[in-house]
Protein backbone atom coordinates (compact mmCIF):
# COMPACT_ATOMS: atom_id res chain seq x y z
CA MET A 1 27.48 -33.48 -9.63
CA SER A 2 26.33 -33.01 -6.05
CA LEU A 3 27.21 -35.38 -3.23
CA THR A 4 24.77 -35.78 -0.39
CA SER A 5 24.59 -38.35 2.36
CA CYS A 6 22.00 -39.56 4.77
CA GLN A 7 22.43 -41.91 7.69
CA GLN A 8 19.97 -44.28 9.25
CA TYR A 9 20.72 -45.62 12.67
CA SER A 10 19.24 -48.74 14.17
CA LEU A 11 19.81 -49.96 17.69
CA ASP A 12 20.03 -53.63 18.51
CA ARG A 13 18.37 -53.69 21.91
CA THR A 14 19.71 -57.14 22.64
CA SER A 15 23.40 -56.40 22.03
CA LYS A 16 23.04 -52.70 22.94
CA GLN A 17 25.24 -51.86 19.91
CA SER A 18 24.40 -49.40 17.19
CA THR A 19 24.99 -50.03 13.51
CA THR A 20 25.15 -47.51 10.71
CA VAL A 21 23.90 -47.88 7.17
CA GLU A 22 25.03 -45.15 4.79
CA LYS A 23 23.70 -44.32 1.36
CA TYR A 24 25.29 -41.80 -0.98
CA GLN A 25 23.52 -40.11 -3.82
CA PHE A 26 25.21 -39.03 -7.04
CA GLY A 27 22.84 -36.77 -8.91
CA ASP A 28 19.65 -38.76 -9.50
CA GLN A 29 21.21 -42.17 -8.92
CA ASP A 30 21.76 -43.74 -5.52
CA ALA A 31 25.02 -45.54 -4.88
CA ASP A 32 24.71 -47.99 -1.99
CA ILE A 33 27.43 -49.64 0.01
CA LYS A 34 27.45 -53.37 -0.70
CA PRO A 35 29.20 -55.96 1.46
CA THR A 36 31.99 -58.11 0.01
CA GLN A 37 34.33 -60.71 1.48
CA GLY A 38 36.98 -58.06 1.98
CA GLY A 39 34.59 -55.69 3.76
CA LEU A 40 32.55 -52.82 2.32
CA GLN A 41 32.84 -51.79 -1.30
CA TRP A 42 31.73 -48.45 -2.71
CA PHE A 43 29.57 -48.19 -5.82
CA PRO A 44 29.91 -46.89 -8.47
CA ASP A 45 33.33 -48.40 -9.10
CA THR A 46 35.81 -45.49 -9.22
CA SER A 47 38.45 -47.48 -11.10
CA MET A 48 36.81 -46.48 -14.40
CA TRP A 49 36.40 -42.80 -13.59
CA ASN A 50 38.23 -40.19 -15.62
CA ILE A 51 40.06 -37.21 -14.14
CA GLU A 52 36.96 -35.02 -14.27
CA ASP A 53 34.96 -37.54 -12.23
CA ILE A 54 37.75 -37.78 -9.68
CA GLN A 55 37.97 -34.02 -9.36
CA ARG A 56 34.24 -33.71 -8.86
CA GLU A 57 34.28 -36.44 -6.19
CA LEU A 58 37.13 -34.74 -4.34
CA GLY A 59 35.46 -31.34 -4.60
CA HIS A 60 38.27 -29.95 -6.73
CA MET A 61 36.17 -28.68 -9.61
CA THR A 62 36.40 -25.11 -8.40
CA PHE A 63 40.18 -24.94 -8.53
CA LYS A 64 41.33 -27.55 -11.07
CA PRO A 65 40.92 -27.78 -14.85
CA ALA A 66 37.68 -29.67 -15.43
CA SER A 67 38.66 -31.36 -18.70
CA LYS A 68 41.30 -31.73 -21.39
CA TRP A 69 39.61 -28.87 -23.25
CA SER A 70 40.43 -26.38 -20.49
CA VAL A 71 43.96 -27.76 -20.12
CA ASP A 72 44.62 -27.18 -23.83
CA ARG A 73 42.97 -23.75 -23.90
CA ILE A 74 44.68 -22.52 -20.73
CA SER A 75 48.00 -23.61 -22.22
CA ARG A 76 47.22 -21.56 -25.32
CA PHE A 77 46.18 -18.59 -23.19
CA PHE A 78 49.47 -18.85 -21.28
CA SER A 79 51.43 -18.76 -24.55
CA LEU A 80 49.55 -15.68 -25.74
CA ILE A 81 50.02 -13.83 -22.45
CA GLU A 82 53.71 -14.74 -22.40
CA ARG A 83 54.14 -13.42 -25.94
CA LYS A 84 52.45 -10.12 -25.08
CA SER A 85 54.55 -9.85 -21.93
CA ILE A 86 57.75 -10.28 -23.93
CA GLU A 87 56.63 -7.61 -26.39
CA LEU A 88 55.95 -5.21 -23.53
CA GLN A 89 59.24 -6.10 -21.88
CA GLN A 90 61.14 -5.32 -25.07
CA SER A 91 59.52 -1.90 -25.17
CA ARG A 92 60.55 -1.31 -21.55
CA PRO A 93 64.08 -2.70 -21.14
CA GLY A 94 65.18 -3.40 -17.60
CA PHE A 95 61.70 -3.82 -16.12
CA GLY A 96 61.59 -7.66 -16.20
CA HIS A 97 58.41 -9.62 -16.85
CA GLN A 98 55.49 -7.37 -17.69
CA TYR A 99 52.49 -9.70 -17.79
CA GLN A 100 51.02 -8.22 -14.59
CA LYS A 101 51.07 -4.81 -16.25
CA LEU A 102 49.23 -5.84 -19.40
CA PRO A 103 46.07 -3.76 -19.92
CA ILE A 104 42.77 -5.54 -19.43
CA SER A 105 41.98 -5.14 -23.14
CA THR A 106 45.06 -7.23 -24.01
CA VAL A 107 44.16 -9.88 -21.43
CA LEU A 108 40.61 -10.11 -22.78
CA ASN A 109 41.84 -10.38 -26.38
CA CYS A 110 44.12 -13.25 -25.34
CA ALA A 111 41.23 -14.91 -23.49
CA ASN A 112 38.85 -14.60 -26.44
CA THR A 113 41.49 -16.00 -28.79
CA ALA A 114 42.36 -18.91 -26.51
CA PHE A 115 38.94 -19.91 -25.15
CA GLY A 116 36.53 -18.44 -27.67
CA PHE A 117 34.36 -15.39 -27.11
CA CYS A 118 31.36 -17.40 -25.91
CA ASN A 119 33.25 -20.05 -23.94
CA TRP A 120 33.88 -18.11 -20.75
CA SER A 121 31.92 -15.83 -18.47
CA SER A 122 32.49 -13.83 -15.31
CA GLU A 123 30.38 -12.43 -12.53
CA VAL A 124 30.65 -10.50 -9.29
CA VAL A 125 30.10 -12.85 -6.36
CA PRO A 126 26.89 -11.60 -4.69
CA GLY A 127 27.48 -9.90 -1.37
CA SER A 128 31.26 -9.85 -1.75
CA GLY A 129 31.70 -6.09 -2.15
CA LYS A 130 32.97 -4.20 0.86
CA LEU A 131 34.61 -0.92 1.75
CA VAL A 132 38.17 -1.34 2.96
CA LYS A 133 38.80 2.36 3.52
CA TYR A 134 36.53 5.37 3.60
CA ALA A 135 37.91 8.71 4.71
CA LYS A 136 37.52 12.35 3.84
CA SER A 137 40.35 13.73 1.75
CA ASP A 138 42.69 16.29 3.27
CA ASP A 139 43.36 17.81 -0.13
CA ALA A 140 39.92 19.06 -1.05
CA GLU A 141 36.54 19.65 0.51
CA GLN A 142 33.70 17.27 -0.31
CA CYS A 143 36.22 14.74 -1.64
CA TYR A 144 37.05 11.32 -0.23
CA ASN A 145 39.59 8.51 -0.32
CA VAL A 146 37.98 5.12 -0.84
CA ASP A 147 39.33 1.57 -1.14
CA TYR A 148 36.92 -1.12 -2.32
CA GLU A 149 37.14 -4.91 -2.58
CA LEU A 150 34.99 -7.60 -4.17
CA LYS A 151 35.23 -11.13 -5.55
CA ILE A 152 35.03 -12.09 -9.22
CA ARG A 153 34.08 -15.58 -10.38
CA LEU A 154 35.40 -16.84 -13.73
CA ILE A 155 33.70 -19.82 -15.37
CA LEU A 156 34.96 -21.66 -18.45
CA LYS A 157 32.74 -23.63 -20.82
CA ASP A 158 33.61 -27.01 -19.30
CA GLY A 159 32.83 -25.92 -15.75
CA THR A 160 36.31 -24.93 -14.62
CA THR A 161 35.62 -22.25 -12.02
CA LEU A 162 37.74 -20.05 -9.82
CA THR A 163 37.18 -16.97 -7.70
CA ARG A 164 39.65 -14.22 -6.94
CA ASN A 165 39.66 -10.91 -5.09
CA GLY A 166 39.70 -7.61 -6.90
CA THR A 167 40.59 -4.26 -5.37
CA GLY A 168 39.98 -0.70 -6.46
CA SER A 169 40.76 2.71 -5.06
CA ALA A 170 39.95 6.35 -5.69
CA ARG A 171 41.53 9.45 -4.25
CA SER A 172 40.29 13.00 -3.82
CA LEU A 173 37.12 12.64 -5.87
CA PRO A 174 33.53 13.59 -5.12
CA LEU A 175 31.69 10.81 -3.33
CA SER A 176 29.37 10.25 -6.29
CA GLN A 177 32.38 9.35 -8.45
CA GLU A 178 34.40 7.46 -5.85
CA PHE A 179 32.28 4.32 -5.66
CA SER A 180 31.80 4.04 -9.41
CA LYS A 181 35.55 4.28 -10.02
CA CYS A 182 36.40 1.88 -7.19
CA ARG A 183 33.92 -0.76 -8.29
CA LYS A 184 35.00 -0.68 -11.93
CA GLU A 185 38.65 -0.87 -10.94
CA ALA A 186 37.98 -3.75 -8.53
CA MET A 187 36.08 -5.69 -11.20
CA THR A 188 38.91 -5.20 -13.69
CA ASN A 189 41.53 -6.21 -11.13
CA GLY A 190 39.55 -9.27 -10.05
CA LEU A 191 39.01 -10.46 -13.62
CA LYS A 192 42.72 -10.09 -14.42
CA ASN A 193 43.57 -12.03 -11.27
CA CYS A 194 41.20 -14.82 -12.33
CA PHE A 195 42.75 -15.13 -15.77
CA TYR A 196 46.30 -15.03 -14.40
CA SER A 197 45.35 -17.69 -11.84
CA LEU A 198 44.43 -20.03 -14.69
CA ILE A 199 48.14 -20.25 -15.42
CA GLY A 200 48.73 -21.40 -11.85
CA LEU A 201 46.01 -24.03 -12.27
CA LEU A 202 47.74 -25.35 -15.36
CA VAL A 203 51.16 -25.57 -13.71
CA ASP A 204 49.70 -27.29 -10.63
CA TYR A 205 47.66 -29.72 -12.74
CA GLU A 206 50.56 -30.72 -14.98
CA GLY A 207 52.77 -31.25 -11.94
CA LYS A 208 50.20 -33.54 -10.32
CA VAL A 209 49.71 -35.52 -13.52
CA LYS A 210 53.48 -35.97 -13.79
CA ASP A 211 53.68 -37.15 -10.18
CA GLY A 212 50.79 -39.60 -10.63
CA TYR A 213 48.55 -37.73 -8.20
CA TYR A 214 45.30 -38.65 -9.94
CA ASP A 215 46.31 -42.28 -10.47
CA ARG A 216 46.14 -42.82 -6.72
CA TYR A 217 42.37 -42.50 -6.85
CA LYS A 218 41.90 -45.02 -9.64
CA SER A 219 43.06 -48.06 -7.70
């Protein structure tokens, strides 16, 4: 749902004062400002909007759950990740929470179980890849040390979208292998960061619902 605005200015040559008429467009439907006794009133009436509409209006769709579906599925994903983390922690006593150390295969299995195999997708943000470090290795000739960074975008079925950085590195490898290893590692790291960030979205969302954050925009 895109929000665009255009302004038309007219000048009253008699009073030498300018007035502004604004018109906002929601998708294919125009929503004009209409005068009332209490001043200007916006249309459409936001009092009947649901949370998804409010989030779209506020531009929050890229970092908030877009619907109840994603809230429920992220909660399930969180439970699965937590369970796997506990299992890994029990196998490594004394190391604390282990969810950051879960292999990508485990994270993807949890995601496919929680969201459904066809209900999420990811992509590399075009133009986001960059070299952070590029230097010849001191250990071997014709080998290099490379650090690489890119951005991964994760999109759920209902439109919930977030983007996170991913980093990769390679040490003392031929140049032909360095970039391939760095890019794959950065993509894996970025995707894991996206999935882990969903948990943060859920916690933030539930806290705002509890505090009545979204109700403020329904009055």
